[in-house]
Protein backbone atom coordinates (compact mmCIF):
# COMPACT_ATOMS: atom_id res chain seq x y z
CA UNK A 1 1.17 -10.89 8.99
CA UNK A 2 4.89 -11.27 9.76
CA UNK A 3 6.49 -14.62 8.90
CA UNK A 4 9.89 -16.16 9.66
CA UNK A 5 11.23 -19.19 7.85
CA UNK A 6 13.56 -21.83 9.29
CA UNK A 7 16.08 -21.37 6.47
CA UNK A 8 16.32 -19.41 3.20
CA UNK A 9 16.11 -22.71 1.28
CA UNK A 10 12.34 -22.56 1.97
CA UNK A 11 11.87 -19.14 0.33
CA UNK A 12 10.88 -20.35 -3.15
CA UNK A 13 8.34 -22.90 -1.90
CA UNK A 14 6.92 -20.35 0.54
CA UNK A 15 6.49 -17.76 -2.21
CA UNK A 16 4.77 -20.32 -4.45
CA UNK A 17 2.35 -21.26 -1.64
CA UNK A 18 1.60 -17.59 -0.93
CA UNK A 19 0.96 -16.89 -4.62
CA UNK A 20 -1.63 -19.69 -4.73
CA UNK A 21 -3.78 -18.05 -2.04
CA UNK A 22 -6.01 -15.23 -3.35
CA UNK A 23 -6.54 -13.86 0.17
CA UNK A 24 -2.83 -13.00 0.39
CA UNK A 25 -2.68 -9.88 -1.73
CA UNK A 26 0.89 -8.77 -1.04
CA UNK A 27 4.13 -10.46 0.02
CA UNK A 28 7.25 -8.47 0.85
CA UNK A 29 10.70 -9.82 1.68
CA UNK A 30 12.00 -7.82 4.64
CA UNK A 31 14.99 -7.58 6.98
CA UNK A 32 14.97 -7.86 10.75
CA UNK A 33 13.43 -10.48 13.01
CA UNK A 34 11.02 -11.68 10.31
CA UNK A 35 11.62 -12.67 6.68
CA UNK A 36 8.31 -11.77 5.01
CA UNK A 37 5.43 -9.39 5.59
CA UNK A 38 2.10 -10.51 4.14
CA UNK A 39 -0.96 -8.37 3.46
CA UNK A 40 -3.94 -10.65 4.06
CA UNK A 41 -7.61 -9.99 3.30
CA UNK A 42 -9.73 -11.39 6.13
CA UNK A 43 -13.48 -11.06 6.30
CA UNK A 44 -13.76 -11.75 10.04
CA UNK A 45 -11.60 -12.61 13.02
CA UNK A 46 -12.37 -16.28 12.40
CA UNK A 47 -11.21 -15.89 8.81
CA UNK A 48 -7.99 -14.24 10.02
CA UNK A 49 -7.37 -17.14 12.42
CA UNK A 50 -7.96 -19.56 9.53
CA UNK A 51 -5.46 -17.68 7.34
CA UNK A 52 -2.92 -17.64 10.16
CA UNK A 53 -3.21 -21.42 10.52
CA UNK A 54 -2.87 -21.88 6.74
CA UNK A 55 0.34 -19.85 6.71
CA UNK A 56 1.70 -21.75 9.73
CA UNK A 57 1.22 -25.03 7.83
CA UNK A 58 3.43 -23.96 4.91
CA UNK A 59 6.62 -26.04 5.11
CA UNK A 60 9.54 -24.08 6.54
CA UNK A 61 7.47 -21.53 8.48
CA UNK A 62 8.93 -21.24 11.98
CA UNK A 63 7.20 -18.16 13.40
CA UNK A 64 4.24 -15.88 12.63
C-alpha cells in the first residue's frame, strides 16, 4: 500500500500508528510520488478494504 502524507511533520506519528498494527508487517520510507510503502497482511478483500480505511484515518495521510 502506497501512502502520502500532507507534510513531513506527520512522519513520526504515522510510523507510531503503523507500528501498533500487527497486520502491517513492513513500512519503507520511499522517494517519488508517495512517502511510504506498506506491506499489509490481508485475509480477504474485505480485510484489505478495512486496512485501507484504517490507514486513511491516520492523521496526516493525504493519499493512498
